[in-house]
Amino acid sequence: MKNMENPAQDRSDDSATRRWPALVICLVASFMTLFDVSVVTIASPSMEHSLHMTPAEITWALAGYALTFGLTLIPAGRLGDEHGRRTLFLIGLALFAVTGVICGLAPNAVVLIIGRLLRGVSAGILAPQVIALLQQMYPKKTRGRAFGYYGATTGMSTALGLLIGGVILQAFGPAMGWRWIFYLSIPILLVALVIGFKVLHLRVLRIRSYAVGTAIATAFYTGVTALHPAR
């Protein structure tokens, strides 16, 4: 009877309910990309010692992530406009998981640097899709709340990276702890990928806002590089 009395309201409530899993997956992706900045920074001395890296090599392993992240943001935003945010989001998430394996198994500095560069590319693919998906999934009335969750998540990610990174290094030791920093992210990313494939199917308005996307991407990258500690 309730459904018959107010079907429009029920449809609205159902849509809002279905948006929550999609929001959580977007927030997880954002958390992981910025978490990676701080957690790897705290593990850098262990990586440097374990792989006998030179100062130049460890700098590339750290700064290379932010570099390729920034270079990828704008073209990835454009590709999302053309080929669909969901597709690019899932590709970026899958690549982020794969590069975690590459970095964790790296036998030398060269492989680690390549893995970090590719990991930055995958993060650069993810970031503009997350922002655009939030814009598309939420109407103006509730969009502010969604972006509030997004801002809180990205803020916590950098702080928790330092804390969790220290715990992992303490638990697994400096020789292997930095590898587990990459390994432990993989199950989270795979679960997010599977769930994202299922829940990111909402019928949302397809927005072609390249200029706006470029501005958002640039601002996002500026924040990432500002948070990235210099050696």
Protein backbone atom coordinates (compact mmCIF):
# COMPACT_ATOMS: atom_id res chain seq x y z
CA MET A 1 0.00 0.00 0.00
CA LYS A 2 2.84 2.36 0.88
CA ASN A 3 4.50 1.77 -2.49
CA MET A 4 1.23 2.51 -4.28
CA GLU A 5 0.69 5.73 -2.34
CA ASN A 6 4.11 7.24 -3.06
CA PRO A 7 5.98 5.29 -5.74
CA ALA A 8 8.18 8.26 -6.69
CA GLN A 9 9.50 8.54 -3.14
CA ASP A 10 10.15 4.81 -3.00
CA ARG A 11 12.13 4.95 -6.22
CA SER A 12 14.16 7.84 -4.84
CA ASP A 13 14.88 5.96 -1.63
CA ASP A 14 15.86 2.85 -3.58
CA SER A 15 18.24 4.86 -5.75
CA ALA A 16 19.87 6.41 -2.69
CA THR A 17 20.27 2.98 -1.11
CA ARG A 18 21.92 1.60 -4.23
CA ARG A 19 24.31 4.55 -4.36
CA TRP A 20 25.86 3.76 -0.99
CA PRO A 21 27.88 0.68 -2.11
CA ALA A 22 29.11 2.63 -5.13
CA LEU A 23 30.13 5.52 -2.87
CA VAL A 24 32.05 3.18 -0.55
CA ILE A 25 33.97 1.67 -3.49
CA CYS A 26 34.87 5.14 -4.77
CA LEU A 27 36.08 6.14 -1.31
CA VAL A 28 38.14 2.96 -0.96
CA ALA A 29 39.85 3.70 -4.29
CA SER A 30 40.61 7.27 -3.24
CA PHE A 31 41.89 6.13 0.14
CA MET A 32 44.27 3.59 -1.37
CA THR A 33 45.80 5.97 -3.91
CA LEU A 34 46.73 8.59 -1.30
CA PHE A 35 47.47 6.03 1.41
CA ASP A 36 50.17 4.72 -0.92
CA VAL A 37 51.98 8.07 -0.83
CA SER A 38 52.58 8.17 2.91
CA VAL A 39 52.88 4.45 3.62
CA VAL A 40 55.65 4.00 1.05
CA THR A 41 57.44 7.09 2.28
CA ILE A 42 57.78 5.62 5.75
CA ALA A 43 58.98 2.33 4.25
CA SER A 44 61.60 3.99 2.03
CA PRO A 45 64.58 3.41 4.37
CA SER A 46 63.76 -0.32 4.46
CA MET A 47 63.42 -0.47 0.67
CA GLU A 48 66.68 1.42 0.24
CA HIS A 49 68.58 -0.95 2.53
CA SER A 50 66.95 -4.16 1.28
CA LEU A 51 67.49 -3.50 -2.43
CA HIS A 52 70.74 -1.57 -2.00
CA MET A 53 69.25 1.44 -3.73
CA THR A 54 71.14 4.62 -4.46
CA PRO A 55 69.72 7.98 -3.31
CA ALA A 56 68.68 8.68 -6.91
CA GLU A 57 66.86 5.35 -7.18
CA ILE A 58 64.91 5.76 -3.95
CA THR A 59 63.96 9.27 -5.04
CA TRP A 60 62.59 7.88 -8.30
CA ALA A 61 60.66 5.21 -6.39
CA LEU A 62 58.98 7.89 -4.28
CA ALA A 63 58.64 10.89 -6.58
CA GLY A 64 58.00 8.78 -9.69
CA TYR A 65 54.60 7.81 -8.30
CA ALA A 66 53.53 11.44 -7.93
CA LEU A 67 55.03 12.31 -11.32
CA THR A 68 53.16 9.71 -13.36
CA PHE A 69 50.06 10.29 -11.22
CA GLY A 70 50.00 13.94 -12.28
CA LEU A 71 50.83 13.27 -15.92
CA THR A 72 47.99 10.74 -16.20
CA LEU A 73 45.20 12.71 -14.52
CA ILE A 74 44.08 14.95 -17.37
CA PRO A 75 44.25 12.41 -20.24
CA ALA A 76 42.55 9.83 -18.00
CA GLY A 77 39.77 12.31 -17.29
CA ARG A 78 39.30 12.84 -20.99
CA LEU A 79 39.24 9.08 -21.64
CA GLY A 80 36.60 8.74 -18.94
CA ASP A 81 34.51 11.37 -20.72
CA GLU A 82 34.76 9.44 -23.98
CA HIS A 83 34.65 5.79 -22.93
CA GLY A 84 32.80 5.77 -19.61
CA ARG A 85 33.82 6.43 -16.03
CA ARG A 86 32.97 2.92 -14.86
CA THR A 87 35.25 1.29 -17.43
CA LEU A 88 38.21 3.53 -16.66
CA PHE A 89 37.64 3.17 -12.92
CA LEU A 90 37.75 -0.64 -13.09
CA ILE A 91 40.83 -0.58 -15.33
CA GLY A 92 42.61 1.75 -12.91
CA LEU A 93 41.67 -0.38 -9.90
CA ALA A 94 42.86 -3.58 -11.59
CA LEU A 95 46.15 -1.97 -12.62
CA PHE A 96 46.66 -0.65 -9.09
CA ALA A 97 46.35 -4.23 -7.77
CA VAL A 98 48.73 -5.61 -10.41
CA THR A 99 51.36 -2.98 -9.68
CA GLY A 100 51.12 -3.90 -5.99
CA VAL A 101 52.28 -7.40 -6.96
CA ILE A 102 55.10 -5.98 -9.11
CA CYS A 103 56.34 -3.71 -6.32
CA GLY A 104 56.03 -6.35 -3.63
CA LEU A 105 57.98 -8.94 -5.64
CA ALA A 106 60.58 -6.49 -6.97
CA PRO A 107 64.02 -8.18 -6.91
CA ASN A 108 65.92 -4.97 -7.58
CA ALA A 109 65.61 -1.21 -7.73
CA VAL A 110 64.79 -1.08 -11.46
CA VAL A 111 61.73 -3.32 -11.14
CA LEU A 112 60.55 -1.42 -8.08
CA ILE A 113 60.85 1.93 -9.87
CA ILE A 114 58.96 0.60 -12.90
CA GLY A 115 56.26 -0.74 -10.61
CA ARG A 116 55.98 2.59 -8.81
CA LEU A 117 55.76 4.52 -12.08
CA LEU A 118 52.99 2.23 -13.31
CA ARG A 119 51.29 2.47 -9.94
CA GLY A 120 51.23 6.24 -10.33
CA VAL A 121 49.61 5.81 -13.74
CA SER A 122 46.89 3.60 -12.26
CA ALA A 123 46.26 6.13 -9.48
CA GLY A 124 46.05 8.86 -12.10
CA ILE A 125 43.44 6.83 -13.96
CA LEU A 126 41.37 6.33 -10.82
CA ALA A 127 41.33 9.85 -9.37
CA PRO A 128 39.34 11.74 -12.04
CA GLN A 129 36.88 8.86 -12.41
CA VAL A 130 36.09 8.94 -8.68
CA ILE A 131 35.39 12.66 -8.72
CA ALA A 132 33.28 12.43 -11.86
CA LEU A 133 31.33 9.42 -10.57
CA LEU A 134 30.43 11.31 -7.41
CA GLN A 135 29.23 14.22 -9.53
CA GLN A 136 27.17 11.93 -11.71
CA MET A 137 25.69 9.71 -9.01
CA TYR A 138 24.52 12.45 -6.69
CA PRO A 139 22.13 15.33 -7.40
CA LYS A 140 23.09 18.82 -6.26
CA LYS A 141 21.14 18.53 -3.01
CA THR A 142 23.17 15.57 -1.71
CA ARG A 143 26.42 16.01 -3.66
CA GLY A 144 27.95 18.13 -0.90
CA ARG A 145 27.62 15.30 1.59
CA ALA A 146 29.25 12.84 -0.81
CA PHE A 147 32.19 15.16 -1.36
CA GLY A 148 32.39 15.68 2.39
CA TYR A 149 32.93 11.95 2.82
CA TYR A 150 35.47 12.09 0.00
CA GLY A 151 37.42 14.92 1.65
CA ALA A 152 37.44 13.17 5.03
CA THR A 153 38.62 9.94 3.45
CA THR A 154 41.51 11.50 1.57
CA GLY A 155 42.52 13.43 4.68
CA MET A 156 42.61 10.30 6.84
CA SER A 157 44.49 8.27 4.22
CA THR A 158 47.74 10.21 4.49
CA ALA A 159 47.71 10.20 8.30
CA LEU A 160 46.82 6.51 8.58
CA GLY A 161 49.49 5.63 6.02
CA LEU A 162 52.22 6.65 8.42
CA LEU A 163 50.63 4.80 11.33
CA ILE A 164 49.75 1.59 9.51
CA GLY A 165 53.06 1.58 7.65
CA GLY A 166 54.91 1.68 10.96
CA VAL A 167 52.80 -1.18 12.34
CA ILE A 168 53.45 -3.35 9.27
CA LEU A 169 57.19 -2.70 9.37
CA GLN A 170 57.24 -3.56 13.08
CA ALA A 171 55.23 -6.75 12.53
CA PHE A 172 57.13 -8.15 9.55
CA GLY A 173 60.55 -6.61 10.12
CA PRO A 174 62.39 -4.02 8.03
CA ALA A 175 63.66 -6.57 5.50
CA MET A 176 60.22 -7.89 4.48
CA GLY A 177 57.86 -5.33 5.96
CA TRP A 178 58.01 -2.98 2.98
CA ARG A 179 56.99 -5.83 0.69
CA TRP A 180 53.97 -6.61 2.88
CA ILE A 181 52.92 -2.99 2.62
CA PHE A 182 52.19 -3.75 -1.04
CA TYR A 183 50.93 -7.30 -0.50
CA LEU A 184 48.31 -6.39 2.09
CA SER A 185 46.70 -3.87 -0.23
CA ILE A 186 46.04 -6.47 -2.92
CA PRO A 187 43.10 -8.35 -1.27
CA ILE A 188 41.41 -5.03 -0.50
CA LEU A 189 41.77 -3.91 -4.10
CA LEU A 190 40.52 -7.22 -5.51
CA VAL A 191 37.43 -7.15 -3.29
CA ALA A 192 36.81 -3.53 -4.31
CA LEU A 193 37.20 -4.52 -7.97
CA VAL A 194 34.65 -7.33 -7.74
CA ILE A 195 32.14 -5.22 -5.82
CA GLY A 196 32.75 -2.22 -8.06
CA PHE A 197 32.00 -4.33 -11.13
CA LYS A 198 28.62 -5.18 -9.62
CA VAL A 199 27.54 -1.89 -8.07
CA LEU A 200 28.82 0.74 -10.50
CA HIS A 201 25.91 0.21 -12.86
CA LEU A 202 23.69 3.09 -11.80
CA ARG A 203 21.95 4.88 -14.64
CA VAL A 204 23.44 8.31 -14.29
CA LEU A 205 23.59 11.29 -16.58
CA ARG A 206 26.59 11.18 -18.87
CA ILE A 207 28.38 14.49 -18.40
CA ARG A 208 31.04 15.75 -20.79
CA SER A 209 32.74 18.39 -18.71
CA TYR A 210 36.35 18.28 -19.80
CA ALA A 211 37.16 21.81 -18.61
CA VAL A 212 35.71 21.16 -15.16
CA GLY A 213 37.38 17.76 -14.98
CA THR A 214 40.73 19.29 -15.87
CA ALA A 215 40.43 21.87 -13.10
CA ILE A 216 39.48 19.23 -10.54
CA ALA A 217 42.28 16.93 -11.63
CA THR A 218 44.86 19.70 -11.41
CA ALA A 219 43.70 20.66 -7.92
CA PHE A 220 43.79 17.02 -6.85
CA TYR A 221 47.34 16.55 -8.09
CA THR A 222 48.46 19.76 -6.37
CA GLY A 223 47.16 18.37 -3.09
CA VAL A 224 48.94 15.05 -3.59
CA THR A 225 52.31 16.63 -4.36
CA ALA A 226 51.96 19.01 -1.42
CA LEU A 227 51.38 16.06 0.90
CA HIS A 228 54.33 14.13 -0.54
CA PRO A 229 57.27 14.68 1.81
CA ALA A 230 60.55 15.73 0.25
CA ARG A 231 63.65 13.72 1.03
